[in-house]
Each structure stands twice: as structure tokens, then as C-alpha cells.
Amino acid sequence: MIISKRIAMMATKPKKIIFFFLAWVVVIVIVLFYSMSLRVFERNEINNDDIMYVIPHVSEKRLDQTSVTIEEVVSFEKAYNSQYEIDKRNIKIVKRIFALKHLLLGGLMPELHRAEDLKKIILIHSGEFSNEQQEVLDWFFSLDQSQQEYWNICSNVKTLQQFRDRLNGAIRIYN
């Protein structure tokens, strides 16, 4: 009887080890499956570009205007990037695209925006805007600090022209 108990005990140890090993394999598979699905979701969110639609045939001159929208900037960027290889792209155009996207998405379009953040964005991209756009930005910097702060209470806008109009309206109301 003692021998049969030992054999029975030895037979259960491999079963416990196999069960423990299979449990770990299942846990690892579930974790990998979950993390892979999150990566695919993140990749789709990054490629979305947060625009409503792509506008065909946006000209480079459109990027110089104060009425340019984020949809137009991203549409031009997509067309430009598909047309030229990375090493053949004009650095001035690439910087203008990046500056406009940063200005629009970071300084003008957010629901919660601050004049201080807008000033930082403008200074970071100094010299990368067109003359027409720079004129509006210089106008903003020429305002008194208290007038610049009215941007904090204005509603968000989609273009530089709307920004100037909205801020002028706030200045007229509150001054």
C-alpha cells in the first residue's frame, strides 16, 4: 500500500504542473490579444487626423491665407506627402504645414484655450507663417496684456480670420 500511495502522489504532481503551465499560457495569450487590439485602435486614431473630410486639390497658396482651415491644411499635407518622397520635400512647406496645424489645433480650435498657450505657439513657429498670417499674429502681440487675455473667454474658432474677428468683438464689448 505504501508503494501505491507514492505512485499515486507522483502521478498527481505532473498533472498539477501541466495545469499550472496551461493556466499561465492562457493568461499570456489573453494579455497579448488585449494589448494587440489596443495598438490597432491607437494606430487608427493616429491616422484619423481629426478632420471631417479630405478636400481635393488644395493649392499651396491657400496655406498663406488667414481663412485656411485645418481640413485644408491636412488635405494639402496628405496630397503633398503622397506626391513627394521625404528627402524631396521642401522644408519651408513642411514647416508651414506643421506650424499651421500646431496653431489651429493647439491655439485656436480647442474648447479650452489660453492666450498664454497661443503666444507660446506663435513664438515657437516664428517666421514660418505667411505675411498675411503674420500680420494677424503681430496684431495680437501689439494688444495690451489685458486685451490678449480676452482670448481666454472667447469661444474657439477655426481660422485666423475668425480669431481676429472674435477677439476684436470681445475687446469692443469689454473695453
N, C-alpha and C. Protein backbone atom coordinates (compact mmCIF):
# COMPACT_ATOMS: atom_id res chain seq x y z
N MET A 1 0.79 -1.18 0.00
CA MET A 1 0.00 0.00 0.00
C MET A 1 0.84 1.27 0.00
N ILE A 2 1.93 1.24 0.66
CA ILE A 2 2.80 2.43 0.72
C ILE A 2 3.34 2.73 -0.67
N ILE A 3 3.69 1.75 -1.39
CA ILE A 3 4.22 1.96 -2.74
C ILE A 3 3.15 2.55 -3.65
N SER A 4 1.94 2.09 -3.56
CA SER A 4 0.87 2.60 -4.41
C SER A 4 0.53 4.06 -4.07
N LYS A 5 0.66 4.49 -2.77
CA LYS A 5 0.44 5.87 -2.40
C LYS A 5 1.50 6.76 -3.01
N ARG A 6 2.74 6.28 -2.99
CA ARG A 6 3.83 7.07 -3.58
C ARG A 6 3.61 7.23 -5.08
N ILE A 7 3.22 6.17 -5.73
CA ILE A 7 2.99 6.23 -7.17
C ILE A 7 1.83 7.18 -7.46
N ALA A 8 0.79 7.10 -6.66
CA ALA A 8 -0.36 7.98 -6.84
C ALA A 8 0.03 9.44 -6.62
N MET A 9 0.85 9.73 -5.62
CA MET A 9 1.30 11.10 -5.33
C MET A 9 2.18 11.61 -6.47
N MET A 10 3.04 10.75 -7.00
CA MET A 10 3.93 11.15 -8.09
C MET A 10 3.14 11.41 -9.36
N ALA A 11 2.06 10.69 -9.56
CA ALA A 11 1.25 10.87 -10.75
C ALA A 11 0.48 12.19 -10.71
N THR A 12 0.13 12.70 -9.54
CA THR A 12 -0.62 13.96 -9.46
C THR A 12 0.27 15.18 -9.63
N LYS A 13 1.56 15.09 -9.30
CA LYS A 13 2.46 16.24 -9.46
C LYS A 13 2.58 16.68 -10.91
N PRO A 14 2.80 15.81 -11.87
CA PRO A 14 2.85 16.27 -13.26
C PRO A 14 1.53 16.89 -13.72
N LYS A 15 0.41 16.39 -13.22
CA LYS A 15 -0.87 16.97 -13.60
C LYS A 15 -0.98 18.40 -13.08
N LYS A 16 -0.52 18.64 -11.84
CA LYS A 16 -0.55 19.98 -11.28
C LYS A 16 0.38 20.90 -12.06
N ILE A 17 1.53 20.43 -12.42
CA ILE A 17 2.49 21.23 -13.18
C ILE A 17 1.93 21.57 -14.56
N ILE A 18 1.31 20.60 -15.22
CA ILE A 18 0.72 20.84 -16.55
C ILE A 18 -0.43 21.83 -16.43
N PHE A 19 -1.29 21.67 -15.41
CA PHE A 19 -2.40 22.61 -15.22
C PHE A 19 -1.88 24.03 -14.97
N PHE A 20 -0.86 24.16 -14.11
CA PHE A 20 -0.26 25.46 -13.81
C PHE A 20 0.33 26.07 -15.08
N PHE A 21 1.04 25.31 -15.87
CA PHE A 21 1.64 25.77 -17.13
C PHE A 21 0.56 26.22 -18.12
N LEU A 22 -0.49 25.44 -18.28
CA LEU A 22 -1.58 25.81 -19.19
C LEU A 22 -2.29 27.09 -18.73
N ALA A 23 -2.45 27.24 -17.42
CA ALA A 23 -3.09 28.45 -16.90
C ALA A 23 -2.26 29.68 -17.26
N TRP A 24 -0.94 29.60 -17.12
CA TRP A 24 -0.07 30.72 -17.48
C TRP A 24 -0.11 31.01 -18.98
N VAL A 25 -0.16 30.00 -19.79
CA VAL A 25 -0.24 30.18 -21.24
C VAL A 25 -1.53 30.92 -21.61
N VAL A 26 -2.63 30.52 -20.99
CA VAL A 26 -3.92 31.17 -21.26
C VAL A 26 -3.87 32.65 -20.84
N VAL A 27 -3.30 32.94 -19.68
CA VAL A 27 -3.19 34.32 -19.21
C VAL A 27 -2.33 35.15 -20.17
N ILE A 28 -1.22 34.62 -20.60
CA ILE A 28 -0.34 35.33 -21.52
C ILE A 28 -1.03 35.58 -22.86
N VAL A 29 -1.74 34.61 -23.37
CA VAL A 29 -2.46 34.77 -24.64
C VAL A 29 -3.52 35.87 -24.52
N ILE A 30 -4.25 35.89 -23.42
CA ILE A 30 -5.29 36.91 -23.22
C ILE A 30 -4.66 38.30 -23.14
N VAL A 31 -3.58 38.43 -22.41
CA VAL A 31 -2.90 39.73 -22.29
C VAL A 31 -2.36 40.19 -23.64
N LEU A 32 -1.74 39.31 -24.40
CA LEU A 32 -1.22 39.67 -25.72
C LEU A 32 -2.35 40.06 -26.67
N PHE A 33 -3.43 39.32 -26.66
CA PHE A 33 -4.56 39.63 -27.53
C PHE A 33 -5.13 41.01 -27.19
N TYR A 34 -5.29 41.30 -25.92
CA TYR A 34 -5.82 42.59 -25.49
C TYR A 34 -4.88 43.73 -25.87
N SER A 35 -3.58 43.57 -25.64
CA SER A 35 -2.63 44.65 -25.96
C SER A 35 -2.52 44.86 -27.46
N MET A 36 -2.61 43.82 -28.26
CA MET A 36 -2.54 43.98 -29.72
C MET A 36 -3.77 44.72 -30.23
N SER A 37 -4.93 44.44 -29.67
CA SER A 37 -6.13 45.14 -30.11
C SER A 37 -6.06 46.61 -29.74
N LEU A 38 -5.44 46.96 -28.62
CA LEU A 38 -5.27 48.37 -28.24
C LEU A 38 -4.33 49.08 -29.19
N ARG A 39 -3.27 48.40 -29.63
CA ARG A 39 -2.33 49.02 -30.57
C ARG A 39 -2.99 49.32 -31.90
N VAL A 40 -3.81 48.42 -32.38
CA VAL A 40 -4.53 48.65 -33.63
C VAL A 40 -5.47 49.83 -33.46
N PHE A 41 -6.15 49.92 -32.32
CA PHE A 41 -7.05 51.03 -32.06
C PHE A 41 -6.28 52.35 -32.03
N GLU A 42 -5.11 52.38 -31.35
CA GLU A 42 -4.31 53.60 -31.29
C GLU A 42 -3.84 54.00 -32.68
N ARG A 43 -3.42 53.05 -33.49
CA ARG A 43 -2.95 53.35 -34.84
C ARG A 43 -4.08 53.97 -35.67
N ASN A 44 -5.29 53.45 -35.55
CA ASN A 44 -6.42 54.01 -36.27
C ASN A 44 -6.73 55.42 -35.81
N GLU A 45 -6.61 55.69 -34.52
CA GLU A 45 -6.86 57.03 -34.00
C GLU A 45 -5.82 58.01 -34.53
N ILE A 46 -4.55 57.61 -34.60
CA ILE A 46 -3.49 58.49 -35.09
C ILE A 46 -3.70 58.80 -36.56
N ASN A 47 -4.11 57.84 -37.35
CA ASN A 47 -4.30 58.06 -38.78
C ASN A 47 -5.56 58.86 -39.10
N ASN A 48 -6.42 59.06 -38.12
CA ASN A 48 -7.68 59.76 -38.34
C ASN A 48 -7.47 61.24 -38.63
N ASP A 49 -6.46 61.88 -38.06
CA ASP A 49 -6.10 63.28 -38.26
C ASP A 49 -7.15 64.27 -37.77
N ASP A 50 -8.21 63.79 -37.18
CA ASP A 50 -9.21 64.66 -36.56
C ASP A 50 -9.82 65.67 -37.53
N ILE A 51 -10.00 65.29 -38.80
CA ILE A 51 -10.65 66.18 -39.75
C ILE A 51 -11.92 65.51 -40.24
N MET A 52 -12.86 66.33 -40.65
CA MET A 52 -14.17 65.82 -41.07
C MET A 52 -14.09 65.16 -42.44
N TYR A 53 -13.36 65.74 -43.37
CA TYR A 53 -13.28 65.20 -44.72
C TYR A 53 -12.01 65.72 -45.39
N VAL A 54 -11.58 65.05 -46.43
CA VAL A 54 -10.40 65.47 -47.19
C VAL A 54 -10.88 66.31 -48.37
N ILE A 55 -10.25 67.46 -48.54
CA ILE A 55 -10.60 68.38 -49.61
C ILE A 55 -9.62 68.15 -50.76
N PRO A 56 -10.10 67.81 -51.93
CA PRO A 56 -9.19 67.58 -53.05
C PRO A 56 -8.65 68.89 -53.63
N HIS A 57 -7.44 68.85 -54.14
CA HIS A 57 -6.82 69.94 -54.89
C HIS A 57 -6.70 71.25 -54.11
N VAL A 58 -6.16 71.20 -52.91
CA VAL A 58 -5.89 72.42 -52.15
C VAL A 58 -4.55 72.94 -52.62
N SER A 59 -4.51 74.21 -53.03
CA SER A 59 -3.27 74.77 -53.57
C SER A 59 -2.35 75.23 -52.44
N GLU A 60 -1.08 75.34 -52.75
CA GLU A 60 -0.10 75.80 -51.78
C GLU A 60 -0.39 77.24 -51.36
N LYS A 61 -0.91 78.04 -52.26
CA LYS A 61 -1.24 79.44 -51.96
C LYS A 61 -2.32 79.54 -50.89
N ARG A 62 -3.16 78.52 -50.81
CA ARG A 62 -4.23 78.53 -49.81
C ARG A 62 -3.64 78.51 -48.40
N LEU A 63 -2.47 77.90 -48.24
CA LEU A 63 -1.83 77.84 -46.92
C LEU A 63 -1.39 79.21 -46.43
N ASP A 64 -1.29 80.19 -47.33
CA ASP A 64 -0.84 81.53 -46.97
C ASP A 64 -1.96 82.42 -46.44
N GLN A 65 -3.19 82.00 -46.58
CA GLN A 65 -4.32 82.85 -46.24
C GLN A 65 -4.73 82.70 -44.77
N THR A 66 -5.35 83.74 -44.25
CA THR A 66 -5.80 83.70 -42.85
C THR A 66 -7.09 82.91 -42.68
N SER A 67 -7.75 82.59 -43.78
CA SER A 67 -9.00 81.84 -43.71
C SER A 67 -8.81 80.34 -43.93
N VAL A 68 -7.56 79.86 -43.93
CA VAL A 68 -7.30 78.44 -44.14
C VAL A 68 -7.77 77.65 -42.92
N THR A 69 -8.38 76.49 -43.16
CA THR A 69 -8.90 75.64 -42.09
C THR A 69 -8.00 74.43 -41.89
N ILE A 70 -8.21 73.72 -40.79
CA ILE A 70 -7.41 72.52 -40.52
C ILE A 70 -7.68 71.45 -41.57
N GLU A 71 -8.90 71.37 -42.08
CA GLU A 71 -9.21 70.38 -43.12
C GLU A 71 -8.39 70.66 -44.38
N GLU A 72 -8.25 71.92 -44.73
CA GLU A 72 -7.46 72.27 -45.91
C GLU A 72 -5.98 72.01 -45.70
N VAL A 73 -5.48 72.32 -44.51
CA VAL A 73 -4.06 72.08 -44.22
C VAL A 73 -3.74 70.59 -44.27
N VAL A 74 -4.56 69.78 -43.64
CA VAL A 74 -4.32 68.33 -43.61
C VAL A 74 -4.52 67.73 -45.00
N SER A 75 -5.50 68.22 -45.73
CA SER A 75 -5.72 67.72 -47.10
C SER A 75 -4.53 68.05 -47.99
N PHE A 76 -4.00 69.27 -47.88
CA PHE A 76 -2.81 69.64 -48.65
C PHE A 76 -1.62 68.77 -48.22
N GLU A 77 -1.47 68.57 -46.92
CA GLU A 77 -0.36 67.76 -46.41
C GLU A 77 -0.41 66.34 -46.95
N LYS A 78 -1.58 65.74 -46.95
CA LYS A 78 -1.70 64.37 -47.46
C LYS A 78 -1.36 64.30 -48.94
N ALA A 79 -1.86 65.25 -49.71
CA ALA A 79 -1.57 65.27 -51.15
C ALA A 79 -0.08 65.52 -51.39
N TYR A 80 0.49 66.45 -50.65
CA TYR A 80 1.91 66.81 -50.79
C TYR A 80 2.80 65.62 -50.41
N ASN A 81 2.49 64.97 -49.30
CA ASN A 81 3.30 63.84 -48.84
C ASN A 81 3.21 62.65 -49.80
N SER A 82 2.06 62.45 -50.42
CA SER A 82 1.94 61.35 -51.36
C SER A 82 2.63 61.66 -52.69
N GLN A 83 2.81 62.94 -52.97
CA GLN A 83 3.41 63.36 -54.23
C GLN A 83 4.94 63.35 -54.18
N TYR A 84 5.52 63.65 -53.02
CA TYR A 84 6.97 63.75 -52.89
C TYR A 84 7.50 62.79 -51.84
N GLU A 85 8.68 62.24 -52.11
CA GLU A 85 9.35 61.43 -51.11
C GLU A 85 9.90 62.35 -50.02
N ILE A 86 10.19 61.78 -48.87
CA ILE A 86 10.61 62.57 -47.72
C ILE A 86 11.81 63.45 -48.03
N ASP A 87 12.80 62.91 -48.69
CA ASP A 87 14.01 63.69 -48.97
C ASP A 87 13.83 64.72 -50.09
N LYS A 88 12.73 64.70 -50.81
CA LYS A 88 12.47 65.65 -51.90
C LYS A 88 11.53 66.78 -51.49
N ARG A 89 11.02 66.75 -50.25
CA ARG A 89 10.06 67.75 -49.81
C ARG A 89 10.74 69.06 -49.46
N ASN A 90 10.06 70.16 -49.74
CA ASN A 90 10.55 71.49 -49.42
C ASN A 90 10.37 71.71 -47.91
N ILE A 91 11.47 71.97 -47.22
CA ILE A 91 11.44 72.10 -45.77
C ILE A 91 10.58 73.29 -45.33
N LYS A 92 10.54 74.33 -46.14
CA LYS A 92 9.74 75.51 -45.81
C LYS A 92 8.24 75.17 -45.80
N ILE A 93 7.82 74.38 -46.77
CA ILE A 93 6.41 73.96 -46.84
C ILE A 93 6.08 73.02 -45.68
N VAL A 94 6.97 72.11 -45.39
CA VAL A 94 6.75 71.16 -44.28
C VAL A 94 6.63 71.92 -42.96
N LYS A 95 7.49 72.91 -42.75
CA LYS A 95 7.43 73.70 -41.52
C LYS A 95 6.15 74.53 -41.46
N ARG A 96 5.72 75.08 -42.60
CA ARG A 96 4.48 75.87 -42.64
C ARG A 96 3.30 74.98 -42.27
N ILE A 97 3.26 73.77 -42.82
CA ILE A 97 2.16 72.85 -42.51
C ILE A 97 2.14 72.54 -41.02
N PHE A 98 3.30 72.22 -40.48
CA PHE A 98 3.38 71.89 -39.05
C PHE A 98 2.98 73.08 -38.19
N ALA A 99 3.45 74.27 -38.54
CA ALA A 99 3.12 75.47 -37.78
C ALA A 99 1.62 75.76 -37.81
N LEU A 100 1.02 75.63 -38.98
CA LEU A 100 -0.42 75.87 -39.09
C LEU A 100 -1.23 74.85 -38.29
N LYS A 101 -0.83 73.59 -38.37
CA LYS A 101 -1.53 72.56 -37.61
C LYS A 101 -1.41 72.82 -36.11
N HIS A 102 -0.22 73.21 -35.67
CA HIS A 102 0.00 73.48 -34.26
C HIS A 102 -0.82 74.70 -33.83
N LEU A 103 -0.80 75.75 -34.64
CA LEU A 103 -1.56 76.96 -34.32
C LEU A 103 -3.06 76.69 -34.25
N LEU A 104 -3.57 76.02 -35.28
CA LEU A 104 -5.01 75.78 -35.33
C LEU A 104 -5.46 74.79 -34.26
N LEU A 105 -4.79 73.65 -34.18
CA LEU A 105 -5.22 72.60 -33.24
C LEU A 105 -4.88 72.92 -31.79
N GLY A 106 -3.76 73.62 -31.57
CA GLY A 106 -3.32 73.88 -30.20
C GLY A 106 -3.72 75.23 -29.65
N GLY A 107 -3.90 76.23 -30.53
CA GLY A 107 -4.15 77.58 -30.04
C GLY A 107 -5.52 78.14 -30.31
N LEU A 108 -6.13 77.75 -31.43
CA LEU A 108 -7.39 78.38 -31.83
C LEU A 108 -8.62 77.48 -31.70
N MET A 109 -8.48 76.20 -32.00
CA MET A 109 -9.65 75.31 -32.08
C MET A 109 -10.07 74.64 -30.77
N PRO A 110 -9.19 74.48 -29.78
CA PRO A 110 -9.64 73.79 -28.56
C PRO A 110 -10.75 74.55 -27.83
N GLU A 111 -11.66 73.80 -27.24
CA GLU A 111 -12.72 74.43 -26.45
C GLU A 111 -12.11 75.22 -25.30
N LEU A 112 -11.14 74.63 -24.63
CA LEU A 112 -10.43 75.31 -23.54
C LEU A 112 -9.10 75.81 -24.09
N HIS A 113 -8.97 77.11 -24.23
CA HIS A 113 -7.75 77.69 -24.78
C HIS A 113 -7.32 78.85 -23.91
N ARG A 114 -6.02 79.15 -23.99
CA ARG A 114 -5.46 80.24 -23.19
C ARG A 114 -4.59 81.12 -24.08
N ALA A 115 -4.61 82.40 -23.78
CA ALA A 115 -3.79 83.35 -24.53
C ALA A 115 -2.31 83.01 -24.36
N GLU A 116 -1.94 82.57 -23.18
CA GLU A 116 -0.53 82.23 -22.91
C GLU A 116 -0.06 81.09 -23.80
N ASP A 117 -0.89 80.07 -23.97
CA ASP A 117 -0.54 78.95 -24.85
C ASP A 117 -0.42 79.42 -26.30
N LEU A 118 -1.34 80.28 -26.72
CA LEU A 118 -1.30 80.79 -28.08
C LEU A 118 -0.03 81.58 -28.33
N LYS A 119 0.37 82.39 -27.37
CA LYS A 119 1.61 83.17 -27.52
C LYS A 119 2.83 82.26 -27.65
N LYS A 120 2.86 81.20 -26.87
CA LYS A 120 3.98 80.25 -26.96
C LYS A 120 4.04 79.58 -28.33
N ILE A 121 2.88 79.18 -28.84
CA ILE A 121 2.83 78.53 -30.16
C ILE A 121 3.32 79.49 -31.24
N ILE A 122 2.88 80.74 -31.16
CA ILE A 122 3.29 81.74 -32.15
C ILE A 122 4.80 81.96 -32.09
N LEU A 123 5.36 82.04 -30.90
CA LEU A 123 6.81 82.26 -30.76
C LEU A 123 7.61 81.05 -31.22
N ILE A 124 7.11 79.87 -30.95
CA ILE A 124 7.81 78.65 -31.37
C ILE A 124 7.94 78.60 -32.89
N HIS A 125 6.91 79.03 -33.59
CA HIS A 125 6.88 78.94 -35.06
C HIS A 125 7.14 80.29 -35.72
N SER A 126 7.86 81.13 -35.05
CA SER A 126 8.18 82.46 -35.59
C SER A 126 8.85 82.34 -36.95
N GLY A 127 8.36 83.09 -37.92
CA GLY A 127 8.95 83.09 -39.26
C GLY A 127 8.44 81.99 -40.17
N GLU A 128 7.53 81.16 -39.70
CA GLU A 128 7.03 80.05 -40.51
C GLU A 128 5.65 80.32 -41.09
N PHE A 129 5.07 81.48 -40.79
CA PHE A 129 3.76 81.83 -41.30
C PHE A 129 3.90 82.79 -42.48
N SER A 130 2.85 82.89 -43.29
CA SER A 130 2.87 83.82 -44.42
C SER A 130 2.79 85.26 -43.89
N ASN A 131 3.04 86.23 -44.75
CA ASN A 131 2.97 87.64 -44.35
C ASN A 131 1.58 88.00 -43.86
N GLU A 132 0.57 87.51 -44.55
CA GLU A 132 -0.83 87.79 -44.17
C GLU A 132 -1.14 87.20 -42.79
N GLN A 133 -0.70 86.00 -42.56
CA GLN A 133 -0.93 85.36 -41.26
C GLN A 133 -0.12 86.04 -40.17
N GLN A 134 1.12 86.39 -40.50
CA GLN A 134 1.99 87.05 -39.52
C GLN A 134 1.43 88.41 -39.12
N GLU A 135 0.75 89.06 -40.03
CA GLU A 135 0.12 90.35 -39.74
C GLU A 135 -0.93 90.20 -38.63
N VAL A 136 -1.74 89.16 -38.71
CA VAL A 136 -2.74 88.90 -37.67
C VAL A 136 -2.06 88.56 -36.34
N LEU A 137 -1.02 87.76 -36.39
CA LEU A 137 -0.31 87.37 -35.17
C LEU A 137 0.41 88.56 -34.54
N ASP A 138 0.99 89.42 -35.38
CA ASP A 138 1.63 90.65 -34.86
C ASP A 138 0.59 91.57 -34.23
N TRP A 139 -0.60 91.64 -34.84
CA TRP A 139 -1.68 92.43 -34.27
C TRP A 139 -2.01 91.93 -32.86
N PHE A 140 -2.07 90.61 -32.71
CA PHE A 140 -2.36 90.03 -31.40
C PHE A 140 -1.30 90.43 -30.38
N PHE A 141 -0.02 90.37 -30.79
CA PHE A 141 1.06 90.74 -29.88
C PHE A 141 1.08 92.24 -29.59
N SER A 142 0.54 93.06 -30.49
CA SER A 142 0.52 94.51 -30.26
C SER A 142 -0.55 94.93 -29.26
N LEU A 143 -1.48 94.03 -28.95
CA LEU A 143 -2.53 94.34 -27.97
C LEU A 143 -1.94 94.39 -26.56
N ASP A 144 -2.61 95.13 -25.68
CA ASP A 144 -2.23 95.12 -24.27
C ASP A 144 -2.42 93.72 -23.71
N GLN A 145 -1.71 93.42 -22.65
CA GLN A 145 -1.82 92.12 -22.00
C GLN A 145 -3.28 91.83 -21.61
N SER A 146 -3.97 92.83 -21.09
CA SER A 146 -5.36 92.63 -20.67
C SER A 146 -6.26 92.33 -21.87
N GLN A 147 -5.97 92.94 -23.02
CA GLN A 147 -6.76 92.67 -24.22
C GLN A 147 -6.45 91.28 -24.77
N GLN A 148 -5.20 90.85 -24.68
CA GLN A 148 -4.84 89.50 -25.12
C GLN A 148 -5.56 88.45 -24.27
N GLU A 149 -5.77 88.76 -23.01
CA GLU A 149 -6.42 87.81 -22.10
C GLU A 149 -7.90 87.60 -22.44
N TYR A 150 -8.50 88.48 -23.22
CA TYR A 150 -9.88 88.27 -23.64
C TYR A 150 -10.02 87.00 -24.48
N TRP A 151 -8.93 86.55 -25.06
CA TRP A 151 -8.98 85.30 -25.83
C TRP A 151 -9.38 84.14 -24.92
N ASN A 152 -9.06 84.22 -23.64
CA ASN A 152 -9.40 83.15 -22.69
C ASN A 152 -10.91 82.96 -22.56
N ILE A 153 -11.69 84.02 -22.78
CA ILE A 153 -13.13 83.92 -22.61
C ILE A 153 -13.88 83.82 -23.94
N CYS A 154 -13.18 83.97 -25.04
CA CYS A 154 -13.81 83.83 -26.36
C CYS A 154 -14.06 82.36 -26.66
N SER A 155 -15.03 82.10 -27.52
CA SER A 155 -15.25 80.72 -27.95
C SER A 155 -14.21 80.36 -29.01
N ASN A 156 -14.02 79.08 -29.20
CA ASN A 156 -12.99 78.61 -30.14
C ASN A 156 -13.35 78.99 -31.57
N VAL A 157 -12.34 79.02 -32.44
CA VAL A 157 -12.51 79.39 -33.84
C VAL A 157 -11.80 78.37 -34.72
N LYS A 158 -12.05 78.45 -36.03
CA LYS A 158 -11.44 77.50 -36.97
C LYS A 158 -10.38 78.13 -37.87
N THR A 159 -10.31 79.47 -37.90
CA THR A 159 -9.33 80.15 -38.76
C THR A 159 -8.74 81.34 -38.03
N LEU A 160 -7.63 81.83 -38.56
CA LEU A 160 -7.01 83.04 -38.02
C LEU A 160 -7.91 84.25 -38.20
N GLN A 161 -8.61 84.33 -39.31
CA GLN A 161 -9.51 85.45 -39.56
C GLN A 161 -10.63 85.47 -38.53
N GLN A 162 -11.20 84.30 -38.25
CA GLN A 162 -12.24 84.22 -37.22
C GLN A 162 -11.68 84.62 -35.85
N PHE A 163 -10.43 84.24 -35.60
CA PHE A 163 -9.77 84.61 -34.34
C PHE A 163 -9.71 86.12 -34.19
N ARG A 164 -9.26 86.79 -35.23
CA ARG A 164 -9.15 88.25 -35.16
C ARG A 164 -10.53 88.89 -34.98
N ASP A 165 -11.50 88.42 -35.73
CA ASP A 165 -12.86 88.97 -35.62
C ASP A 165 -13.45 88.73 -34.24
N ARG A 166 -13.29 87.53 -33.72
CA ARG A 166 -13.86 87.19 -32.41
C ARG A 166 -13.18 87.99 -31.30
N LEU A 167 -11.86 88.13 -31.36
CA LEU A 167 -11.14 88.87 -30.33
C LEU A 167 -11.46 90.36 -30.42
N ASN A 168 -11.57 90.89 -31.63
CA ASN A 168 -11.97 92.30 -31.80
C ASN A 168 -13.35 92.53 -31.19
N GLY A 169 -14.27 91.60 -31.41
CA GLY A 169 -15.60 91.71 -30.83
C GLY A 169 -15.56 91.72 -29.31
N ALA A 170 -14.75 90.85 -28.72
CA ALA A 170 -14.63 90.79 -27.26
C ALA A 170 -14.02 92.08 -26.73
N ILE A 171 -13.04 92.61 -27.43
CA ILE A 171 -12.41 93.86 -26.99
C ILE A 171 -13.42 95.01 -27.02
N ARG A 172 -14.24 95.06 -28.06
CA ARG A 172 -15.27 96.11 -28.16
C ARG A 172 -16.30 95.98 -27.03
N ILE A 173 -16.66 94.76 -26.69
CA ILE A 173 -17.68 94.55 -25.67
C ILE A 173 -17.14 94.88 -24.27
N TYR A 174 -15.93 94.42 -23.95
CA TYR A 174 -15.43 94.52 -22.59
C TYR A 174 -14.60 95.76 -22.30
N ASN A 175 -14.24 96.53 -23.33
CA ASN A 175 -13.45 97.76 -23.08
C ASN A 175 -14.32 98.96 -23.02
